[in-house]
Amino acid sequence: MDIINIIFAILSIGLGCFGWLAPRYTLGALDLEMGQTTMGMSEVRASAGALFVGMGIGALWLGTPEAYVMLGFCWSGAALGRLTSLIKDGAFQKKWVYFIVEAAVGIPAILLNI
């Protein structure tokens, strides 16, 4: 269980680094476009980037089941938002892939640590 928790935390940090340090790449991967200002890149750096880096580092630092459960709740929240989009905004393959990844990290992280 400890190894799986560490993998989930490192996955959070690794994926978060893309959004934080490579926002243009992340914008393209998410089918988003830059606007007239840099607020889009700022939002990607924050919400799809450094937020996940901070979650992963926090979980590793604390190293408690509660920290890893919270990591799971965060990923599950992202999966819930993605599922809502699949239902309300229309489904296509990329959304399903992201939903599966988010749920595959979130749900096990919760169940393994409760």
N, C-alpha and C. Protein backbone atom coordinates (compact mmCIF):
# COMPACT_ATOMS: atom_id res chain seq x y z
N MET A 1 0.82 -1.19 0.00
CA MET A 1 0.00 0.00 0.00
C MET A 1 0.87 1.26 0.00
N ASP A 2 1.96 1.26 0.77
CA ASP A 2 2.83 2.44 0.81
C ASP A 2 3.40 2.75 -0.57
N ILE A 3 3.80 1.73 -1.29
CA ILE A 3 4.36 1.94 -2.63
C ILE A 3 3.31 2.55 -3.56
N ILE A 4 2.09 2.07 -3.51
CA ILE A 4 1.02 2.61 -4.36
C ILE A 4 0.76 4.07 -4.01
N ASN A 5 0.72 4.38 -2.71
CA ASN A 5 0.52 5.78 -2.30
C ASN A 5 1.63 6.68 -2.85
N ILE A 6 2.86 6.21 -2.75
CA ILE A 6 3.99 7.00 -3.25
C ILE A 6 3.89 7.17 -4.76
N ILE A 7 3.49 6.13 -5.46
CA ILE A 7 3.30 6.23 -6.92
C ILE A 7 2.24 7.27 -7.25
N PHE A 8 1.10 7.25 -6.53
CA PHE A 8 0.04 8.24 -6.78
C PHE A 8 0.54 9.66 -6.53
N ALA A 9 1.32 9.84 -5.47
CA ALA A 9 1.85 11.17 -5.15
C ALA A 9 2.83 11.62 -6.22
N ILE A 10 3.72 10.73 -6.65
CA ILE A 10 4.70 11.07 -7.69
C ILE A 10 4.00 11.33 -9.02
N LEU A 11 2.96 10.57 -9.32
CA LEU A 11 2.16 10.82 -10.52
C LEU A 11 1.54 12.21 -10.48
N SER A 12 1.03 12.59 -9.32
CA SER A 12 0.46 13.93 -9.15
C SER A 12 1.51 15.00 -9.41
N ILE A 13 2.68 14.81 -8.84
CA ILE A 13 3.76 15.78 -9.03
C ILE A 13 4.19 15.83 -10.49
N GLY A 14 4.38 14.67 -11.09
CA GLY A 14 4.84 14.62 -12.48
C GLY A 14 3.85 15.25 -13.45
N LEU A 15 2.59 14.89 -13.35
CA LEU A 15 1.58 15.47 -14.24
C LEU A 15 1.40 16.96 -13.95
N GLY A 16 1.47 17.32 -12.67
CA GLY A 16 1.36 18.73 -12.31
C GLY A 16 2.48 19.57 -12.89
N CYS A 17 3.67 18.99 -13.00
CA CYS A 17 4.80 19.72 -13.57
C CYS A 17 4.54 20.14 -15.02
N PHE A 18 3.81 19.33 -15.76
CA PHE A 18 3.49 19.71 -17.14
C PHE A 18 2.67 21.00 -17.15
N GLY A 19 1.61 21.04 -16.35
CA GLY A 19 0.77 22.24 -16.31
C GLY A 19 1.51 23.44 -15.76
N TRP A 20 2.33 23.21 -14.75
CA TRP A 20 3.04 24.30 -14.09
C TRP A 20 4.16 24.85 -14.96
N LEU A 21 4.99 23.95 -15.51
CA LEU A 21 6.20 24.38 -16.20
C LEU A 21 6.08 24.37 -17.72
N ALA A 22 5.06 23.72 -18.25
CA ALA A 22 4.86 23.68 -19.71
C ALA A 22 3.39 23.98 -20.02
N PRO A 23 2.94 25.20 -19.68
CA PRO A 23 1.51 25.50 -19.86
C PRO A 23 1.06 25.50 -21.32
N ARG A 24 1.92 25.89 -22.23
CA ARG A 24 1.52 25.87 -23.65
C ARG A 24 1.26 24.43 -24.12
N TYR A 25 2.14 23.54 -23.71
CA TYR A 25 1.94 22.12 -24.04
C TYR A 25 0.62 21.63 -23.44
N THR A 26 0.38 21.97 -22.18
CA THR A 26 -0.82 21.53 -21.49
C THR A 26 -2.08 22.12 -22.14
N LEU A 27 -2.02 23.38 -22.51
CA LEU A 27 -3.15 24.00 -23.22
C LEU A 27 -3.48 23.20 -24.47
N GLY A 28 -2.46 22.81 -25.23
CA GLY A 28 -2.68 22.02 -26.44
C GLY A 28 -3.23 20.64 -26.13
N ALA A 29 -2.69 20.00 -25.10
CA ALA A 29 -3.15 18.66 -24.72
C ALA A 29 -4.60 18.67 -24.27
N LEU A 30 -5.03 19.79 -23.70
CA LEU A 30 -6.41 19.91 -23.21
C LEU A 30 -7.34 20.56 -24.23
N ASP A 31 -6.83 20.79 -25.44
CA ASP A 31 -7.61 21.45 -26.50
C ASP A 31 -8.07 22.84 -26.08
N LEU A 32 -7.21 23.57 -25.39
CA LEU A 32 -7.51 24.93 -24.99
C LEU A 32 -6.68 25.89 -25.82
N GLU A 33 -7.11 27.13 -25.90
CA GLU A 33 -6.39 28.13 -26.67
C GLU A 33 -6.03 29.31 -25.79
N MET A 34 -4.95 29.98 -26.16
CA MET A 34 -4.58 31.21 -25.47
C MET A 34 -5.56 32.31 -25.85
N GLY A 35 -5.87 33.16 -24.91
CA GLY A 35 -6.73 34.31 -25.17
C GLY A 35 -5.89 35.54 -25.45
N GLN A 36 -6.50 36.69 -25.25
CA GLN A 36 -5.80 37.95 -25.50
C GLN A 36 -4.84 38.30 -24.36
N THR A 37 -5.01 37.64 -23.23
CA THR A 37 -4.10 37.87 -22.10
C THR A 37 -3.41 36.55 -21.75
N THR A 38 -2.55 36.60 -20.75
CA THR A 38 -1.87 35.39 -20.31
C THR A 38 -2.62 34.71 -19.15
N MET A 39 -3.86 35.09 -18.90
CA MET A 39 -4.62 34.49 -17.81
C MET A 39 -4.84 32.99 -18.04
N GLY A 40 -4.99 32.57 -19.29
CA GLY A 40 -5.16 31.14 -19.57
C GLY A 40 -3.94 30.35 -19.11
N MET A 41 -2.76 30.84 -19.43
CA MET A 41 -1.54 30.15 -18.99
C MET A 41 -1.41 30.21 -17.47
N SER A 42 -1.79 31.32 -16.89
CA SER A 42 -1.74 31.45 -15.44
C SER A 42 -2.66 30.42 -14.78
N GLU A 43 -3.85 30.25 -15.31
CA GLU A 43 -4.80 29.30 -14.75
C GLU A 43 -4.30 27.86 -14.89
N VAL A 44 -3.72 27.54 -16.04
CA VAL A 44 -3.18 26.19 -16.25
C VAL A 44 -2.01 25.95 -15.30
N ARG A 45 -1.13 26.93 -15.17
CA ARG A 45 0.00 26.77 -14.24
C ARG A 45 -0.50 26.51 -12.82
N ALA A 46 -1.58 27.21 -12.44
CA ALA A 46 -2.09 27.09 -11.07
C ALA A 46 -2.94 25.85 -10.88
N SER A 47 -4.03 25.73 -11.65
CA SER A 47 -5.02 24.68 -11.36
C SER A 47 -4.69 23.32 -11.96
N ALA A 48 -4.00 23.28 -13.08
CA ALA A 48 -3.64 22.00 -13.68
C ALA A 48 -2.16 21.69 -13.46
N GLY A 49 -1.49 22.57 -12.74
CA GLY A 49 -0.07 22.39 -12.54
C GLY A 49 0.35 22.36 -11.10
N ALA A 50 0.68 23.53 -10.57
CA ALA A 50 1.26 23.61 -9.24
C ALA A 50 0.32 23.08 -8.16
N LEU A 51 -0.98 23.15 -8.37
CA LEU A 51 -1.93 22.57 -7.40
C LEU A 51 -1.65 21.08 -7.22
N PHE A 52 -1.47 20.36 -8.32
CA PHE A 52 -1.20 18.92 -8.25
C PHE A 52 0.20 18.64 -7.70
N VAL A 53 1.15 19.51 -8.02
CA VAL A 53 2.49 19.37 -7.45
C VAL A 53 2.41 19.50 -5.93
N GLY A 54 1.72 20.53 -5.48
CA GLY A 54 1.56 20.74 -4.04
C GLY A 54 0.84 19.60 -3.35
N MET A 55 -0.19 19.05 -3.99
CA MET A 55 -0.91 17.91 -3.40
C MET A 55 0.03 16.73 -3.24
N GLY A 56 0.79 16.43 -4.27
CA GLY A 56 1.69 15.28 -4.21
C GLY A 56 2.80 15.46 -3.19
N ILE A 57 3.40 16.65 -3.16
CA ILE A 57 4.46 16.91 -2.19
C ILE A 57 3.89 16.86 -0.77
N GLY A 58 2.72 17.44 -0.57
CA GLY A 58 2.09 17.41 0.74
C GLY A 58 1.82 16.00 1.23
N ALA A 59 1.30 15.16 0.33
CA ALA A 59 1.02 13.77 0.71
C ALA A 59 2.30 13.03 1.06
N LEU A 60 3.36 13.22 0.27
CA LEU A 60 4.64 12.58 0.58
C LEU A 60 5.22 13.10 1.89
N TRP A 61 5.14 14.40 2.09
CA TRP A 61 5.71 15.02 3.29
C TRP A 61 5.01 14.50 4.54
N LEU A 62 3.67 14.53 4.53
CA LEU A 62 2.93 14.08 5.70
C LEU A 62 2.99 12.57 5.86
N GLY A 63 2.87 11.88 4.74
CA GLY A 63 3.00 10.42 4.74
C GLY A 63 1.95 9.68 5.56
N THR A 64 0.84 10.31 5.84
CA THR A 64 -0.21 9.66 6.63
C THR A 64 -1.32 9.15 5.71
N PRO A 65 -2.09 8.18 6.19
CA PRO A 65 -3.23 7.73 5.39
C PRO A 65 -4.18 8.87 5.05
N GLU A 66 -4.36 9.80 6.00
CA GLU A 66 -5.26 10.93 5.74
C GLU A 66 -4.76 11.81 4.60
N ALA A 67 -3.47 11.98 4.52
CA ALA A 67 -2.90 12.78 3.44
C ALA A 67 -3.15 12.12 2.09
N TYR A 68 -2.99 10.80 2.03
CA TYR A 68 -3.22 10.09 0.78
C TYR A 68 -4.71 10.00 0.44
N VAL A 69 -5.56 9.94 1.46
CA VAL A 69 -7.02 10.00 1.22
C VAL A 69 -7.38 11.34 0.60
N MET A 70 -6.80 12.41 1.14
CA MET A 70 -7.08 13.75 0.59
C MET A 70 -6.60 13.85 -0.85
N LEU A 71 -5.44 13.27 -1.15
CA LEU A 71 -4.97 13.22 -2.52
C LEU A 71 -6.01 12.51 -3.40
N GLY A 72 -6.55 11.41 -2.88
CA GLY A 72 -7.59 10.69 -3.60
C GLY A 72 -8.85 11.50 -3.80
N PHE A 73 -9.25 12.26 -2.78
CA PHE A 73 -10.43 13.12 -2.92
C PHE A 73 -10.21 14.19 -3.98
N CYS A 74 -9.02 14.75 -4.03
CA CYS A 74 -8.72 15.76 -5.05
C CYS A 74 -8.82 15.17 -6.46
N TRP A 75 -8.18 14.02 -6.67
CA TRP A 75 -8.26 13.37 -7.98
C TRP A 75 -9.70 12.96 -8.30
N SER A 76 -10.42 12.49 -7.29
CA SER A 76 -11.82 12.09 -7.51
C SER A 76 -12.69 13.30 -7.83
N GLY A 77 -12.37 14.44 -7.23
CA GLY A 77 -13.08 15.67 -7.57
C GLY A 77 -12.87 16.04 -9.03
N ALA A 78 -11.64 15.89 -9.50
CA ALA A 78 -11.37 16.14 -10.92
C ALA A 78 -12.15 15.16 -11.79
N ALA A 79 -12.21 13.89 -11.36
CA ALA A 79 -12.97 12.89 -12.12
C ALA A 79 -14.46 13.24 -12.14
N LEU A 80 -14.98 13.73 -11.03
CA LEU A 80 -16.39 14.13 -10.98
C LEU A 80 -16.65 15.28 -11.94
N GLY A 81 -15.76 16.27 -11.97
CA GLY A 81 -15.91 17.37 -12.91
C GLY A 81 -15.85 16.89 -14.35
N ARG A 82 -14.96 15.95 -14.62
CA ARG A 82 -14.83 15.41 -15.97
C ARG A 82 -16.09 14.62 -16.35
N LEU A 83 -16.60 13.82 -15.40
CA LEU A 83 -17.82 13.05 -15.66
C LEU A 83 -18.99 13.99 -15.93
N THR A 84 -19.07 15.07 -15.17
CA THR A 84 -20.13 16.06 -15.41
C THR A 84 -20.03 16.60 -16.82
N SER A 85 -18.81 16.89 -17.26
CA SER A 85 -18.62 17.38 -18.62
C SER A 85 -19.00 16.33 -19.66
N LEU A 86 -18.67 15.08 -19.39
CA LEU A 86 -19.04 14.01 -20.32
C LEU A 86 -20.55 13.94 -20.49
N ILE A 87 -21.27 14.11 -19.40
CA ILE A 87 -22.74 14.02 -19.44
C ILE A 87 -23.36 15.29 -20.03
N LYS A 88 -22.94 16.44 -19.58
CA LYS A 88 -23.59 17.69 -19.93
C LYS A 88 -23.04 18.34 -21.20
N ASP A 89 -21.75 18.15 -21.47
CA ASP A 89 -21.12 18.87 -22.58
C ASP A 89 -20.83 17.99 -23.79
N GLY A 90 -21.05 16.70 -23.65
CA GLY A 90 -20.79 15.78 -24.74
C GLY A 90 -19.52 14.96 -24.50
N ALA A 91 -19.57 13.75 -24.95
CA ALA A 91 -18.48 12.81 -24.71
C ALA A 91 -17.62 12.68 -25.96
N PHE A 92 -16.32 12.61 -25.75
CA PHE A 92 -15.40 12.18 -26.80
C PHE A 92 -14.21 11.53 -26.15
N GLN A 93 -13.41 10.86 -26.93
CA GLN A 93 -12.39 9.94 -26.43
C GLN A 93 -11.43 10.59 -25.43
N LYS A 94 -10.93 11.78 -25.72
CA LYS A 94 -9.95 12.40 -24.84
C LYS A 94 -10.53 12.62 -23.44
N LYS A 95 -11.78 13.04 -23.35
CA LYS A 95 -12.41 13.22 -22.04
C LYS A 95 -12.48 11.90 -21.29
N TRP A 96 -12.83 10.83 -22.00
CA TRP A 96 -12.90 9.52 -21.34
C TRP A 96 -11.55 9.09 -20.81
N VAL A 97 -10.49 9.32 -21.57
CA VAL A 97 -9.14 8.95 -21.13
C VAL A 97 -8.78 9.70 -19.86
N TYR A 98 -9.02 11.01 -19.84
CA TYR A 98 -8.70 11.80 -18.65
C TYR A 98 -9.54 11.37 -17.46
N PHE A 99 -10.82 11.11 -17.70
CA PHE A 99 -11.70 10.64 -16.63
C PHE A 99 -11.19 9.34 -16.03
N ILE A 100 -10.81 8.41 -16.89
CA ILE A 100 -10.32 7.10 -16.41
C ILE A 100 -9.04 7.27 -15.58
N VAL A 101 -8.13 8.11 -16.03
CA VAL A 101 -6.90 8.35 -15.27
C VAL A 101 -7.22 8.97 -13.92
N GLU A 102 -8.07 10.00 -13.92
CA GLU A 102 -8.42 10.67 -12.66
C GLU A 102 -9.10 9.72 -11.69
N ALA A 103 -10.04 8.94 -12.19
CA ALA A 103 -10.74 7.98 -11.32
C ALA A 103 -9.81 6.86 -10.88
N ALA A 104 -8.89 6.45 -11.75
CA ALA A 104 -7.98 5.35 -11.42
C ALA A 104 -6.96 5.74 -10.36
N VAL A 105 -6.71 7.01 -10.18
CA VAL A 105 -5.86 7.48 -9.08
C VAL A 105 -6.72 7.79 -7.86
N GLY A 106 -7.80 8.52 -8.06
CA GLY A 106 -8.62 8.99 -6.95
C GLY A 106 -9.29 7.91 -6.13
N ILE A 107 -10.00 7.04 -6.79
CA ILE A 107 -10.78 6.03 -6.05
C ILE A 107 -9.87 5.07 -5.28
N PRO A 108 -8.84 4.49 -5.91
CA PRO A 108 -7.95 3.61 -5.12
C PRO A 108 -7.24 4.33 -3.98
N ALA A 109 -6.85 5.58 -4.19
CA ALA A 109 -6.17 6.30 -3.12
C ALA A 109 -7.08 6.47 -1.91
N ILE A 110 -8.37 6.66 -2.16
CA ILE A 110 -9.32 6.75 -1.05
C ILE A 110 -9.51 5.38 -0.41
N LEU A 111 -9.82 4.38 -1.22
CA LEU A 111 -10.14 3.05 -0.68
C LEU A 111 -8.97 2.40 0.04
N LEU A 112 -7.76 2.63 -0.42
CA LEU A 112 -6.59 2.04 0.21
C LEU A 112 -6.23 2.67 1.56
N ASN A 113 -6.75 3.86 1.81
CA ASN A 113 -6.30 4.59 2.98
C ASN A 113 -7.40 4.91 3.99
N ILE A 114 -8.62 4.52 3.72
CA ILE A 114 -9.70 4.75 4.68
C ILE A 114 -9.66 3.66 5.74
